[in-house]
Amino acid sequence: MDIRRIGILGGGQLAKMTASAAYRLGFETAIFEKFIDSPAGVMTKYDFGGLPDDEISLKNFLFFSDIITLENEFIDSNFLASIESQGKKVLPSSHTISLIQDKYIQKQTLRAKGIPVGDFMLANGKLDYEILSKNLGNCFILKSRTMGYDGYGNREVDNDSSFQQSYDKLISRTHGLFAEKKVLFEKELAIMLARSKNEFVLYPVVETIQKNHICHTVIAPAQIPKKALNEIKEIAIEAVKAVGGIGIFGIELFYNDNEILVNEMAPRPHNSGHYSIEGCRTSQFENHVRSVLELPLGNPDLTAPYAVMINLLGKKNNSRSPGNYHEILSEKNAHVHIYGKAESRIGRKMGHITMTGDSLSDILVTLNRLENLADF
């Protein structure tokens, strides 16, 4: 396949880090985002702004792209299919995205393949609480079928009143809802898997720690029994096969007393895999590029006994610089990534810091100190 330039649908931090990996391998990128000068767009002269129905901007983007990938699963699979019909290869494919972007269909697809998921049901209307609670318990999670991320599409409900309020709130930003049984878990885990046409590689299983429903800390490797680690790896392989996936995939899981359930999967680089830039022999972003280009996949092994990443989340609104650069960069063993977003919001992912080493406790102490210094 004679490819010079990779087109990326989306221009945020995932596209930015994917583009950096592509440049390292000698490839160029084109970016299609709602606006120009996005974090990834400023890195290339092939920066196109517009919505999917902007025919001129899209036409130019496709003209300068030899193959297409994406930084999130929120792009309508029908839109991706229309790109494929014009002779452009899209990876992950429109078919794969159609099985993942609607989380209800995603759960149906996984369950049909025997992959362990929690109990779930459609939520068809505001009067459904009695039916749902009878099957899922009085307390359950109401979720958006599409466009849900970082907790924005989830609400925990425990009575009819909270259900109706949550239903109104969530239905205003999506086209359908479903409900999941609340899972009691000991740890939240994740694993990245890169799959090309001819091979796949598995990254270490990691523990993810949330802060206000947003991933805050990722610890590699997760401290769980070897039997559970092996089971998770088998689950990840089958999950990606179930959707015919090519590229990098993040699989989130719940773990409790040796029981493992898949929470969600994402067909793209994932926040839980950012540690791999410095923490693994080959980052998730480089292996995503390699996989969609049918290049040999790189070694996903850790470079040190432990790797930990902490997200730098916005602490105020309308601030662009993190402040305290001097103090943060004075830590010689820390790897700082600032995404270059135009402005911060409380809870918005503005960057991350990664450290590797021999002592998990020492790494966590240092990273928490640095995260407190970062003042967005």
Protein backbone atom coordinates (compact mmCIF):
# COMPACT_ATOMS: atom_id res chain seq x y z
CA MET A 1 0.00 0.00 0.00
CA ASP A 2 1.57 3.27 -1.15
CA ILE A 3 0.63 5.71 1.59
CA ARG A 4 2.22 9.04 2.32
CA ARG A 5 -0.44 10.90 4.29
CA ILE A 6 -2.88 9.69 6.95
CA GLY A 7 -6.16 11.57 7.26
CA ILE A 8 -7.48 11.84 10.81
CA LEU A 9 -11.10 12.68 11.54
CA GLY A 10 -10.80 14.80 14.68
CA GLY A 11 -8.17 17.21 15.88
CA GLY A 12 -7.92 16.83 19.65
CA GLN A 13 -5.16 15.41 21.82
CA LEU A 14 -5.63 11.85 20.56
CA ALA A 15 -5.16 13.01 16.97
CA LYS A 16 -2.20 15.15 18.06
CA MET A 17 -0.38 12.24 19.67
CA THR A 18 -1.26 9.94 16.76
CA ALA A 19 0.14 12.53 14.35
CA SER A 20 3.36 12.76 16.37
CA ALA A 21 3.79 8.99 16.08
CA ALA A 22 3.09 9.14 12.33
CA TYR A 23 5.71 11.85 11.81
CA ARG A 24 8.28 9.76 13.65
CA LEU A 25 7.70 6.99 11.11
CA GLY A 26 7.99 9.36 8.16
CA PHE A 27 4.29 9.88 7.37
CA GLU A 28 2.33 13.11 7.10
CA THR A 29 -1.17 13.79 8.41
CA ALA A 30 -4.25 15.71 7.30
CA ILE A 31 -6.77 16.83 9.94
CA PHE A 32 -10.52 17.31 9.61
CA GLU A 33 -12.07 19.05 12.61
CA LYS A 34 -14.97 21.43 13.18
CA PHE A 35 -12.48 24.31 13.33
CA ILE A 36 -8.94 24.96 12.15
CA ASP A 37 -5.96 25.30 14.49
CA SER A 38 -7.05 22.42 16.71
CA PRO A 39 -4.31 20.77 18.83
CA ALA A 40 -3.56 18.38 15.93
CA GLY A 41 -4.40 20.87 13.17
CA VAL A 42 -1.62 23.30 14.10
CA MET A 43 0.89 20.52 13.41
CA THR A 44 0.14 20.23 9.69
CA LYS A 45 -0.47 22.43 6.67
CA TYR A 46 -3.26 20.02 5.70
CA ASP A 47 -5.66 21.40 8.31
CA PHE A 48 -9.32 21.45 7.28
CA GLY A 49 -12.17 22.89 9.32
CA GLY A 50 -15.83 22.14 8.82
CA LEU A 51 -18.77 19.92 9.67
CA PRO A 52 -19.39 16.62 7.84
CA ASP A 53 -21.83 18.37 5.48
CA ASP A 54 -19.19 20.93 4.43
CA GLU A 55 -18.64 19.39 1.01
CA ILE A 56 -15.73 21.60 -0.07
CA SER A 57 -13.69 21.19 3.10
CA LEU A 58 -14.36 17.44 3.23
CA LYS A 59 -13.47 17.04 -0.45
CA ASN A 60 -10.13 18.78 0.11
CA PHE A 61 -9.42 16.68 3.19
CA LEU A 62 -10.11 13.45 1.32
CA PHE A 63 -8.04 14.58 -1.67
CA PHE A 64 -4.99 15.02 0.55
CA SER A 65 -5.53 11.79 2.55
CA ASP A 66 -4.35 8.39 1.34
CA ILE A 67 -6.08 6.49 4.16
CA ILE A 68 -8.47 7.61 6.92
CA THR A 69 -8.56 6.92 10.64
CA LEU A 70 -10.35 8.64 13.50
CA GLU A 71 -9.76 9.87 17.02
CA ASN A 72 -13.20 9.09 18.44
CA GLU A 73 -16.18 6.84 17.82
CA PHE A 74 -18.75 9.64 17.71
CA ILE A 75 -18.56 10.12 13.94
CA ASP A 76 -21.69 8.72 12.31
CA SER A 77 -20.95 5.32 10.78
CA ASN A 78 -23.08 6.28 7.76
CA PHE A 79 -20.78 9.25 7.17
CA LEU A 80 -17.79 6.89 7.30
CA ALA A 81 -19.53 4.54 4.88
CA SER A 82 -20.00 7.43 2.45
CA ILE A 83 -16.25 8.09 2.59
CA GLU A 84 -15.59 4.41 1.92
CA SER A 85 -17.95 4.53 -1.07
CA GLN A 86 -15.68 7.19 -2.57
CA GLY A 87 -12.81 4.73 -2.61
CA LYS A 88 -11.06 5.82 0.59
CA LYS A 89 -10.15 3.14 3.11
CA VAL A 90 -11.31 3.93 6.66
CA LEU A 91 -9.86 2.09 9.66
CA PRO A 92 -11.53 1.19 11.91
CA SER A 93 -14.19 0.58 9.28
CA SER A 94 -17.70 2.00 9.21
CA HIS A 95 -18.98 -1.49 10.07
CA THR A 96 -16.79 -1.66 13.18
CA ILE A 97 -17.89 1.80 14.27
CA SER A 98 -21.56 0.89 13.72
CA LEU A 99 -21.16 -1.90 16.30
CA ILE A 100 -19.41 0.30 18.87
CA GLN A 101 -20.67 3.90 18.78
CA ASP A 102 -24.14 2.93 20.03
CA LYS A 103 -23.32 1.49 23.45
CA TYR A 104 -26.50 -0.56 23.58
CA ILE A 105 -25.61 -2.24 20.28
CA GLN A 106 -22.04 -2.61 21.55
CA LYS A 107 -23.26 -4.49 24.61
CA GLN A 108 -25.55 -6.66 22.47
CA THR A 109 -22.65 -7.48 20.14
CA LEU A 110 -20.32 -8.45 22.97
CA ARG A 111 -22.92 -10.52 24.80
CA ALA A 112 -23.80 -12.38 21.59
CA LYS A 113 -20.15 -13.50 21.39
CA GLY A 114 -20.14 -14.76 24.97
CA ILE A 115 -18.09 -11.86 26.33
CA PRO A 116 -19.02 -11.09 29.96
CA VAL A 117 -20.98 -7.85 30.39
CA GLY A 118 -23.32 -6.64 33.11
CA ASP A 119 -27.10 -6.83 32.79
CA PHE A 120 -28.62 -4.07 30.66
CA MET A 121 -31.96 -3.05 29.15
CA LEU A 122 -33.36 -0.38 26.86
CA ALA A 123 -34.91 2.64 28.53
CA ASN A 124 -37.77 3.58 26.25
CA GLY A 125 -39.45 6.33 28.24
CA LYS A 126 -39.84 8.26 31.47
CA LEU A 127 -42.31 5.72 32.84
CA ASP A 128 -39.87 2.80 32.66
CA TYR A 129 -38.42 2.96 36.18
CA GLU A 130 -40.65 0.21 37.60
CA ILE A 131 -39.78 -2.17 34.76
CA LEU A 132 -36.06 -1.41 34.86
CA SER A 133 -35.76 -1.57 38.65
CA LYS A 134 -37.52 -4.93 38.71
CA ASN A 135 -34.83 -6.38 36.44
CA LEU A 136 -31.74 -4.33 37.39
CA GLY A 137 -32.37 -3.44 41.03
CA ASN A 138 -33.61 -0.19 42.57
CA CYS A 139 -30.26 1.52 41.97
CA PHE A 140 -28.90 1.34 38.42
CA ILE A 141 -27.03 3.43 35.84
CA LEU A 142 -28.91 5.30 33.12
CA LYS A 143 -26.74 5.85 30.04
CA SER A 144 -26.79 7.64 26.72
CA ARG A 145 -26.57 5.18 23.85
CA THR A 146 -24.31 7.59 21.94
CA MET A 147 -22.08 10.63 22.61
CA GLY A 148 -21.33 9.69 26.23
CA TYR A 149 -17.81 10.17 27.59
CA ASP A 150 -16.07 11.24 30.81
CA GLY A 151 -19.29 10.73 32.76
CA TYR A 152 -21.31 13.17 30.63
CA GLY A 153 -23.68 10.46 29.43
CA ASN A 154 -24.22 8.61 32.74
CA ARG A 155 -26.54 9.12 35.70
CA GLU A 156 -27.00 6.90 38.73
CA VAL A 157 -30.67 6.63 39.72
CA ASP A 158 -32.25 5.03 42.78
CA ASN A 159 -35.92 6.03 42.63
CA ASP A 160 -38.59 7.08 40.15
CA SER A 161 -38.03 10.79 40.71
CA SER A 162 -34.27 10.65 40.08
CA PHE A 163 -34.93 8.43 37.07
CA GLN A 164 -37.29 10.94 35.46
CA GLN A 165 -34.95 13.87 36.14
CA SER A 166 -31.99 11.94 34.73
CA TYR A 167 -34.01 10.81 31.74
CA ASP A 168 -34.87 14.41 30.83
CA LYS A 169 -31.25 15.50 31.30
CA LEU A 170 -29.72 12.75 29.19
CA ILE A 171 -32.29 12.56 26.41
CA SER A 172 -31.67 16.23 25.61
CA ARG A 173 -28.20 15.43 24.26
CA THR A 174 -28.72 12.05 22.60
CA HIS A 175 -31.27 9.97 20.68
CA GLY A 176 -31.75 7.06 23.01
CA LEU A 177 -30.99 5.68 26.47
CA PHE A 178 -30.42 2.35 28.11
CA ALA A 179 -29.90 1.17 31.66
CA GLU A 180 -27.23 -1.02 33.23
CA LYS A 181 -27.15 -2.87 36.50
CA LYS A 182 -24.86 -1.12 38.96
CA VAL A 183 -21.68 -3.16 39.27
CA LEU A 184 -19.89 -3.38 42.59
CA PHE A 185 -16.20 -3.58 41.79
CA GLU A 186 -12.88 -3.74 43.57
CA LYS A 187 -10.95 -2.11 40.72
CA GLU A 188 -11.55 -0.55 37.34
CA LEU A 189 -9.17 -1.96 34.76
CA ALA A 190 -8.29 -1.39 31.13
CA ILE A 191 -6.21 -2.94 28.39
CA MET A 192 -5.11 -1.73 24.97
CA LEU A 193 -4.97 -4.08 22.00
CA ALA A 194 -3.51 -3.23 18.60
CA ARG A 195 -4.68 -5.40 15.70
CA SER A 196 -3.60 -5.30 12.07
CA LYS A 197 -4.64 -7.50 9.19
CA ASN A 198 -2.04 -10.11 10.12
CA GLU A 199 -1.27 -9.82 13.85
CA PHE A 200 -2.17 -8.31 17.20
CA VAL A 201 -0.32 -7.20 20.33
CA LEU A 202 -1.61 -6.75 23.88
CA TYR A 203 -0.49 -4.03 26.26
CA PRO A 204 -0.28 -4.59 30.02
CA VAL A 205 -3.51 -4.62 31.99
CA VAL A 206 -3.72 -1.34 33.92
CA GLU A 207 -5.73 -0.02 36.84
CA THR A 208 -7.65 3.20 36.23
CA ILE A 209 -8.71 5.50 39.06
CA GLN A 210 -11.53 7.94 38.37
CA LYS A 211 -12.12 11.46 39.68
CA ASN A 212 -15.68 12.74 39.18
CA HIS A 213 -16.22 10.06 36.50
CA ILE A 214 -13.07 11.17 34.62
CA CYS A 215 -9.95 9.04 34.40
CA HIS A 216 -7.39 10.62 36.74
CA THR A 217 -4.68 8.00 37.35
CA VAL A 218 -3.50 4.98 35.35
CA ILE A 219 -1.22 2.41 37.01
CA ALA A 220 0.67 -0.13 34.91
CA PRO A 221 0.67 -2.99 35.52
CA ALA A 222 -2.51 -3.63 37.50
CA GLN A 223 -1.93 -5.47 40.74
CA ILE A 224 -4.27 -8.43 40.28
CA PRO A 225 -3.76 -12.22 40.13
CA LYS A 226 -2.11 -13.71 37.06
CA LYS A 227 -5.18 -15.81 36.30
CA ALA A 228 -7.29 -12.65 36.03
CA LEU A 229 -4.66 -10.98 33.83
CA ASN A 230 -4.74 -13.89 31.41
CA GLU A 231 -8.54 -13.93 31.35
CA ILE A 232 -8.65 -10.21 30.56
CA LYS A 233 -6.26 -10.67 27.67
CA GLU A 234 -8.46 -13.41 26.21
CA ILE A 235 -11.55 -11.22 26.64
CA ALA A 236 -9.83 -8.30 24.88
CA ILE A 237 -8.91 -10.44 21.89
CA GLU A 238 -12.45 -11.78 21.52
CA ALA A 239 -13.98 -8.32 21.97
CA VAL A 240 -11.96 -6.81 19.13
CA LYS A 241 -12.66 -9.81 16.92
CA ALA A 242 -16.38 -9.42 17.67
CA VAL A 243 -16.45 -6.02 15.95
CA GLY A 244 -13.96 -6.88 13.18
CA GLY A 245 -11.59 -4.28 14.55
CA ILE A 246 -8.40 -3.03 12.92
CA GLY A 247 -6.33 -0.41 14.75
CA ILE A 248 -5.87 0.27 18.45
CA PHE A 249 -8.70 -0.53 20.88
CA GLY A 250 -9.21 0.29 24.53
CA ILE A 251 -11.27 -2.11 26.62
CA GLU A 252 -12.49 -0.97 30.05
CA LEU A 253 -13.41 -3.59 32.63
CA PHE A 254 -14.71 -4.05 36.17
CA TYR A 255 -12.90 -6.47 38.49
CA ASN A 256 -14.23 -7.84 41.75
CA ASP A 257 -13.16 -11.01 43.57
CA ASN A 258 -11.93 -12.60 40.34
CA GLU A 259 -15.12 -11.72 38.44
CA ILE A 260 -14.47 -9.70 35.27
CA LEU A 261 -17.02 -7.73 33.27
CA VAL A 262 -16.45 -5.55 30.22
CA ASN A 263 -17.70 -2.01 30.79
CA GLU A 264 -17.04 -0.37 27.42
CA MET A 265 -14.68 -0.53 24.48
CA ALA A 266 -13.32 2.27 22.30
CA PRO A 267 -12.01 1.89 18.71
CA ARG A 268 -9.16 4.39 19.05
CA PRO A 269 -6.25 5.45 21.23
CA HIS A 270 -7.52 5.65 24.78
CA ASN A 271 -6.76 7.73 27.85
CA SER A 272 -5.81 4.58 29.73
CA GLY A 273 -3.01 3.99 27.20
CA HIS A 274 -1.28 7.38 27.30
CA TYR A 275 1.33 6.02 29.72
CA SER A 276 2.63 3.87 26.84
CA ILE A 277 4.43 6.82 25.18
CA GLU A 278 7.24 6.60 27.73
CA GLY A 279 6.14 3.48 29.58
CA CYS A 280 6.21 0.94 26.73
CA ARG A 281 8.65 -0.04 23.99
CA THR A 282 6.07 1.06 21.42
CA SER A 283 3.30 3.51 22.26
CA GLN A 284 -0.38 2.89 21.60
CA PHE A 285 -0.26 5.75 19.07
CA GLU A 286 2.60 4.28 17.07
CA ASN A 287 0.98 0.85 17.02
CA HIS A 288 -2.28 2.43 15.88
CA VAL A 289 -0.42 3.95 12.93
CA ARG A 290 1.38 0.70 12.24
CA SER A 291 -1.82 -1.35 12.38
CA VAL A 292 -3.88 0.78 9.97
CA LEU A 293 -0.94 0.86 7.53
CA GLU A 294 -0.39 -2.92 7.77
CA LEU A 295 3.13 -2.43 9.13
CA PRO A 296 4.71 -4.88 11.62
CA LEU A 297 3.45 -4.09 15.12
CA GLY A 298 5.87 -2.93 17.80
CA ASN A 299 6.73 -4.35 21.21
CA PRO A 300 4.14 -3.28 23.84
CA ASP A 301 6.19 -4.36 26.88
CA LEU A 302 6.88 -1.97 29.76
CA THR A 303 10.23 -0.17 29.84
CA ALA A 304 10.36 -0.29 33.66
CA PRO A 305 8.65 -2.28 36.42
CA TYR A 306 6.02 0.46 36.81
CA ALA A 307 4.56 3.26 34.70
CA VAL A 308 1.99 5.70 36.03
CA MET A 309 0.09 8.49 34.28
CA ILE A 310 -1.92 11.27 35.89
CA ASN A 311 -4.27 13.45 33.87
CA LEU A 312 -3.99 17.20 34.29
CA LEU A 313 -7.61 18.25 34.61
CA GLY A 314 -8.81 21.83 34.36
CA LYS A 315 -9.25 23.50 37.74
CA LYS A 316 -10.84 26.70 36.41
CA ASN A 317 -12.42 28.06 33.26
CA ASN A 318 -10.80 30.03 30.42
CA SER A 319 -7.18 29.42 31.38
CA ARG A 320 -4.86 28.15 28.68
CA SER A 321 -1.47 27.76 30.40
CA PRO A 322 -0.99 25.33 33.28
CA GLY A 323 1.13 27.73 35.32
CA ASN A 324 4.01 26.61 37.51
CA TYR A 325 5.89 25.27 34.48
CA HIS A 326 9.22 25.81 36.20
CA GLU A 327 8.28 23.76 39.25
CA ILE A 328 6.70 20.97 37.22
CA LEU A 329 9.61 20.66 34.80
CA SER A 330 12.11 20.67 37.66
CA GLU A 331 11.16 17.04 38.27
CA LYS A 332 13.73 15.39 36.01
CA ASN A 333 12.03 12.00 35.85
CA ALA A 334 8.59 13.28 34.79
CA HIS A 335 7.34 13.39 31.21
CA VAL A 336 4.95 16.32 30.75
CA HIS A 337 2.42 16.53 27.91
CA ILE A 338 0.33 19.68 27.42
CA TYR A 339 -2.32 19.32 24.73
CA GLY A 340 -2.52 22.94 23.57
CA LYS A 341 -6.28 23.36 23.90
CA ALA A 342 -7.56 26.89 23.39
CA GLU A 343 -9.05 27.12 26.87
CA SER A 344 -9.61 25.09 29.98
CA ARG A 345 -12.81 24.03 31.70
CA ILE A 346 -13.18 22.54 35.12
CA GLY A 347 -12.57 18.82 34.69
CA ARG A 348 -11.38 19.09 31.08
CA LYS A 349 -8.33 17.03 30.12
CA MET A 350 -5.61 19.59 29.49
CA GLY A 351 -2.56 17.32 29.56
CA HIS A 352 -0.93 14.45 31.40
CA ILE A 353 2.26 13.54 33.23
CA THR A 354 3.89 10.11 33.13
CA MET A 355 6.65 8.60 35.27
CA THR A 356 8.33 5.22 35.17
CA GLY A 357 10.46 3.52 37.83
CA ASP A 358 11.01 0.75 40.35
CA SER A 359 8.86 2.06 43.22
CA LEU A 360 5.14 2.49 42.65
CA SER A 361 4.62 4.37 45.90
CA ASP A 362 7.40 6.87 45.13
CA ILE A 363 6.01 7.50 41.64
CA LEU A 364 2.50 8.14 42.98
CA VAL A 365 3.75 10.59 45.62
CA THR A 366 5.73 12.57 43.04
CA LEU A 367 2.96 12.64 40.42
CA ASN A 368 0.32 13.76 42.90
CA ARG A 369 2.62 16.60 43.98
CA LEU A 370 3.11 17.67 40.36
CA GLU A 371 -0.59 17.43 39.58
CA ASN A 372 -1.34 19.74 42.50
CA LEU A 373 1.15 22.25 41.10
CA ALA A 374 -0.46 22.32 37.65
CA ASP A 375 -2.85 25.26 37.78
CA PHE A 376 -5.05 25.45 34.68
